[in-house]
Protein backbone atom coordinates (compact mmCIF):
# COMPACT_ATOMS: atom_id res chain seq x y z
CA UNK A 1 26.24 -53.14 80.88
CA UNK A 2 29.50 -54.96 81.87
CA UNK A 3 27.77 -57.10 84.63
CA UNK A 4 28.86 -60.67 83.01
CA UNK A 5 32.25 -60.33 83.30
CA UNK A 6 32.52 -57.18 85.51
CA UNK A 7 35.69 -55.84 84.07
CA UNK A 8 36.81 -53.06 85.66
CA UNK A 9 37.45 -50.20 83.37
CA UNK A 10 40.59 -48.05 84.89
CA UNK A 11 40.09 -44.75 83.72
CA UNK A 12 43.01 -42.30 83.75
CA UNK A 13 42.15 -38.45 83.19
CA UNK A 14 43.71 -36.10 80.40
CA UNK A 15 46.07 -32.89 81.12
CA UNK A 16 44.34 -30.68 83.94
CA UNK A 17 41.92 -33.33 84.82
CA UNK A 18 40.65 -35.54 87.83
CA UNK A 19 38.74 -38.57 88.55
CA UNK A 20 35.86 -36.69 87.47
CA UNK A 21 36.76 -36.12 84.25
CA UNK A 22 35.02 -39.17 82.80
CA UNK A 23 31.95 -38.60 84.50
CA UNK A 24 30.02 -37.47 81.20
CA UNK A 25 30.56 -41.44 80.36
CA UNK A 26 29.81 -42.98 83.81
CA UNK A 27 26.90 -40.97 83.93
CA UNK A 28 25.49 -43.01 81.24
CA UNK A 29 25.69 -46.09 83.47
CA UNK A 30 22.69 -47.24 86.00
CA UNK A 31 25.48 -49.03 87.79
CA UNK A 32 29.17 -47.50 87.83
CA UNK A 33 31.30 -49.98 90.12
CA UNK A 34 33.06 -51.35 87.39
CA UNK A 35 34.47 -47.78 86.88
CA UNK A 36 37.88 -47.10 88.55
CA UNK A 37 38.57 -43.37 87.98
CA UNK A 38 42.07 -43.03 88.92
CA UNK A 39 43.91 -39.08 89.30
CA UNK A 40 47.38 -37.81 90.28
CA UNK A 41 48.17 -36.05 93.22
CA UNK A 42 47.09 -32.43 93.47
CA UNK A 43 43.91 -31.90 91.79
CA UNK A 44 40.42 -33.14 92.79
CA UNK A 45 40.03 -35.73 95.69
CA UNK A 46 44.13 -35.69 96.13
CA UNK A 47 44.10 -31.64 95.90
CA UNK A 48 46.24 -31.66 99.15
CA UNK A 49 48.59 -33.95 98.15
CA UNK A 50 52.10 -33.12 96.45
CA UNK A 51 52.15 -32.87 92.71
CA UNK A 52 54.20 -35.68 90.97
CA UNK A 53 57.38 -33.95 89.48
CA UNK A 54 58.01 -36.38 86.50
CA UNK A 55 55.83 -38.41 84.42
CA UNK A 56 57.69 -41.52 85.36
CA UNK A 57 56.52 -40.31 89.15
CA UNK A 58 52.95 -40.35 87.58
CA UNK A 59 53.38 -43.67 86.25
CA UNK A 60 55.10 -44.87 89.76
CA UNK A 61 51.68 -43.42 91.23
CA UNK A 62 49.47 -44.61 89.13
CA UNK A 63 50.94 -48.07 89.53
CA UNK A 64 50.41 -47.98 93.18
CA UNK A 65 46.92 -47.35 92.69
CA UNK A 66 46.57 -50.42 90.70
CA UNK A 67 48.43 -52.35 92.48
CA UNK A 68 46.02 -51.81 95.60
CA UNK A 69 42.62 -51.65 94.13
CA UNK A 70 42.50 -53.13 90.89
CA UNK A 71 44.06 -56.37 90.75
CA UNK A 72 41.91 -58.15 93.25
CA UNK A 73 38.47 -57.22 91.08
CA UNK A 74 39.33 -59.25 88.35
CA UNK A 75 39.96 -58.71 84.99
CA UNK A 76 40.45 -54.69 83.76
CA UNK A 77 41.18 -52.67 80.91
CA UNK A 78 42.99 -49.35 81.24
CA UNK A 79 41.66 -46.15 79.25
CA UNK A 80 43.36 -42.94 78.97
CA UNK A 81 43.07 -39.53 76.64
CA UNK A 82 46.05 -37.75 75.91
CA UNK A 83 48.14 -37.48 79.21
CA UNK A 84 46.09 -40.24 80.33
CA UNK A 85 47.03 -42.71 77.17
CA UNK A 86 50.31 -41.84 77.60
CA UNK A 87 50.52 -42.42 81.04
CA UNK A 88 48.57 -46.01 80.63
CA UNK A 89 50.64 -47.01 77.79
CA UNK A 90 54.02 -46.47 80.12
CA UNK A 91 51.81 -48.40 82.93
CA UNK A 92 51.45 -51.42 80.69
CA UNK A 93 55.09 -51.33 79.96
CA UNK A 94 56.48 -51.33 83.91
CA UNK A 95 53.49 -54.21 84.31
CA UNK A 96 55.02 -56.28 81.83
CA UNK A 97 58.37 -55.72 82.82
CA UNK A 98 57.55 -56.67 86.71
CA UNK A 99 55.35 -59.43 85.20
CA UNK A 100 52.19 -58.05 87.09
CA UNK A 101 48.61 -59.05 85.84
CA UNK A 102 48.02 -57.18 82.61
CA UNK A 103 45.04 -55.27 81.60
CA UNK A 104 43.22 -57.59 78.89
CA UNK A 105 43.28 -54.15 76.51
CA UNK A 106 44.70 -50.56 76.41
CA UNK A 107 42.30 -48.07 75.28
CA UNK A 108 44.15 -44.77 74.07
CA UNK A 109 42.28 -41.49 72.40
CA UNK A 110 43.87 -38.40 71.55
CA UNK A 111 47.45 -39.47 71.23
CA UNK A 112 49.65 -39.78 68.52
CA UNK A 113 52.12 -42.82 68.41
CA UNK A 114 54.26 -42.71 71.37
CA UNK A 115 57.25 -42.53 69.14
CA UNK A 116 56.17 -39.50 67.29
CA UNK A 117 57.39 -36.59 68.95
CA UNK A 118 55.65 -33.60 70.50
CA UNK A 119 55.72 -30.72 67.76
CA UNK A 120 53.63 -28.31 69.64
CA UNK A 121 55.00 -27.66 73.34
CA UNK A 122 53.45 -25.03 75.23
CA UNK A 123 54.18 -25.44 78.99
CA UNK A 124 56.71 -22.80 79.09
CA UNK A 125 54.62 -20.17 76.98
CA UNK A 126 53.40 -17.09 79.51
CA UNK A 127 49.84 -17.09 81.13
CA UNK A 128 47.84 -15.26 78.36
CA UNK A 129 49.26 -17.45 75.40
CA UNK A 130 49.37 -20.90 77.29
CA UNK A 131 45.50 -20.25 77.90
CA UNK A 132 44.87 -19.62 74.32
CA UNK A 133 46.44 -22.46 73.33
CA UNK A 134 44.85 -24.60 75.91
CA UNK A 135 41.34 -23.18 74.62
CA UNK A 136 42.47 -23.97 71.00
CA UNK A 137 42.56 -27.62 71.84
CA UNK A 138 38.89 -27.53 73.01
CA UNK A 139 37.24 -29.01 75.86
CA UNK A 140 37.09 -26.15 77.89
CA UNK A 141 33.41 -25.45 79.06
CA UNK A 142 32.22 -22.16 78.41
CA UNK A 143 31.51 -20.75 81.86
CA UNK A 144 35.42 -21.68 82.26
CA UNK A 145 37.06 -19.63 79.46
CA UNK A 146 36.08 -16.23 81.08
CA UNK A 147 36.57 -17.05 84.76
CA UNK A 148 39.17 -15.52 86.52
CA UNK A 149 38.33 -17.78 89.44
CA UNK A 150 38.51 -21.04 87.49
CA UNK A 151 41.30 -20.31 85.33
CA UNK A 152 43.67 -19.12 88.38
CA UNK A 153 42.83 -22.74 90.07
CA UNK A 154 42.99 -24.83 86.88
CA UNK A 155 45.94 -23.20 84.85
CA UNK A 156 48.83 -24.35 87.55
CA UNK A 157 47.54 -27.90 87.16
CA UNK A 158 47.24 -27.72 83.24
CA UNK A 159 50.70 -26.20 82.73
CA UNK A 160 52.07 -28.96 85.49
CA UNK A 161 50.60 -31.84 83.49
CA UNK A 162 51.99 -30.82 80.37
CA UNK A 163 55.20 -30.05 81.68
CA UNK A 164 55.11 -33.91 82.25
CA UNK A 165 53.99 -34.94 79.14
CA UNK A 166 56.20 -32.27 76.82
CA UNK A 167 59.22 -34.00 78.71
CA UNK A 168 58.55 -37.67 77.60
CA UNK A 169 61.21 -39.06 75.83
CA UNK A 170 60.40 -42.02 73.54
CA UNK A 171 62.37 -45.09 74.38
CA UNK A 172 62.16 -48.56 72.46
CA UNK A 173 61.38 -51.32 75.00
CA UNK A 174 59.90 -54.80 74.24
CA UNK A 175 56.39 -54.87 72.63
CA UNK A 176 53.42 -55.00 74.66
CA UNK A 177 51.29 -58.42 74.46
CA UNK A 178 47.85 -56.82 74.52
CA UNK A 179 45.57 -55.66 72.13
CA UNK A 180 45.13 -51.81 71.51
CA UNK A 181 42.26 -50.13 70.58
CA UNK A 182 43.20 -46.02 69.28
CA UNK A 183 40.57 -43.54 68.55
CA UNK A 184 41.49 -40.35 67.36
CA UNK A 185 39.60 -36.85 66.12
CA UNK A 186 39.85 -36.18 62.27
CA UNK A 187 40.57 -32.15 63.62
CA UNK A 188 43.63 -33.06 65.30
CA UNK A 189 45.74 -35.97 63.78
CA UNK A 190 46.00 -38.15 60.59
CA UNK A 191 46.13 -41.92 60.56
CA UNK A 192 49.87 -42.25 59.76
CA UNK A 193 50.47 -40.43 63.26
CA UNK A 194 48.42 -43.10 64.75
CA UNK A 195 50.02 -46.08 62.91
CA UNK A 196 53.14 -46.08 65.21
CA UNK A 197 50.83 -47.56 67.80
CA UNK A 198 50.74 -51.24 65.53
CA UNK A 199 54.56 -51.60 66.40
CA UNK A 200 53.79 -51.39 70.39
CA UNK A 201 52.03 -54.60 70.82
CA UNK A 202 52.26 -58.24 69.59
CA UNK A 203 48.61 -58.38 69.30
CA UNK A 204 45.62 -56.60 67.46
CA UNK A 205 45.48 -53.06 67.24
CA UNK A 206 42.29 -51.14 65.82
CA UNK A 207 42.66 -47.53 65.00
CA UNK A 208 39.31 -45.45 64.46
CA UNK A 209 39.02 -41.82 63.43
CA UNK A 210 35.88 -40.02 65.18
CA UNK A 211 34.59 -36.40 63.80
CA UNK A 212 35.92 -33.44 66.17
CA UNK A 213 38.92 -31.96 67.55
CA UNK A 214 40.96 -33.17 70.51
CA UNK A 215 38.49 -33.60 72.96
CA UNK A 216 36.66 -35.65 70.22
CA UNK A 217 35.30 -37.92 73.12
CA UNK A 218 32.97 -35.00 74.36
CA UNK A 219 31.26 -35.20 70.81
CA UNK A 220 30.63 -38.93 70.70
CA UNK A 221 29.18 -39.96 74.06
CA UNK A 222 26.71 -42.27 72.82
CA UNK A 223 29.69 -43.86 70.76
CA UNK A 224 31.80 -44.36 73.60
CA UNK A 225 28.85 -45.65 76.09
CA UNK A 226 28.11 -48.41 73.75
CA UNK A 227 31.66 -48.90 73.03
CA UNK A 228 32.16 -49.43 76.82
CA UNK A 229 29.08 -51.48 77.29
CA UNK A 230 29.95 -53.81 74.79
CA UNK A 231 33.70 -54.07 75.51
CA UNK A 232 33.34 -57.32 77.57
CA UNK A 233 31.77 -59.31 74.66
CA UNK A 234 34.87 -58.17 72.35
CA UNK A 235 37.36 -59.63 75.45
CA UNK A 236 34.96 -62.81 75.64
CA UNK A 237 35.64 -63.19 71.66
CA UNK A 238 39.51 -62.36 71.91
CA UNK A 239 40.12 -64.62 75.50
CA UNK A 240 38.14 -67.82 75.29
């Protein structure tokens, strides 16, 4: 289960998500104390907090949460999907710049290499077209697709988060010094779109394709459950 090493898995949600976004994985574990699901302000448990205005502010917000609660709990790993993957990568850059305790590994999914510009920008679209584009990405529960109340609640959060990610401009910085595990969906990208991750660290990068669209992670619960159960064994192998 992760009991031996007690690595703290820091979870960073995707656009429109919250600290509850990875419950579909956490609920597979009898003890989830090793999971630290963070969230940005303006949703979930932080709904009444003022939203960040830029992706740089998002990085700082997450960084402050990590400084307050993660460092004292021992070795940790950062995992993020899509927006969470981008922010996880940027957080690792900040940690390294500030010479703070680094995660033992960065795990990203649903994110092309950070040097690849985002082609399909949708945050500026009118509500109806924007919502159609969101549904096309996958990951939206059926009960939410046609619920005016849920759409009214989530649409501003989704638009806000996509404005953050779509404003990101790649900046070449010193390479990270930690391993990176990359996962992507067969319907959302090609391996050459992910190859750039190999240039972002001096350490090992593994790239794994799984069947599905942008939200392929929901189709592979068993895979990710086993992956996170066994990740401490991989770390023991790499850090002896």
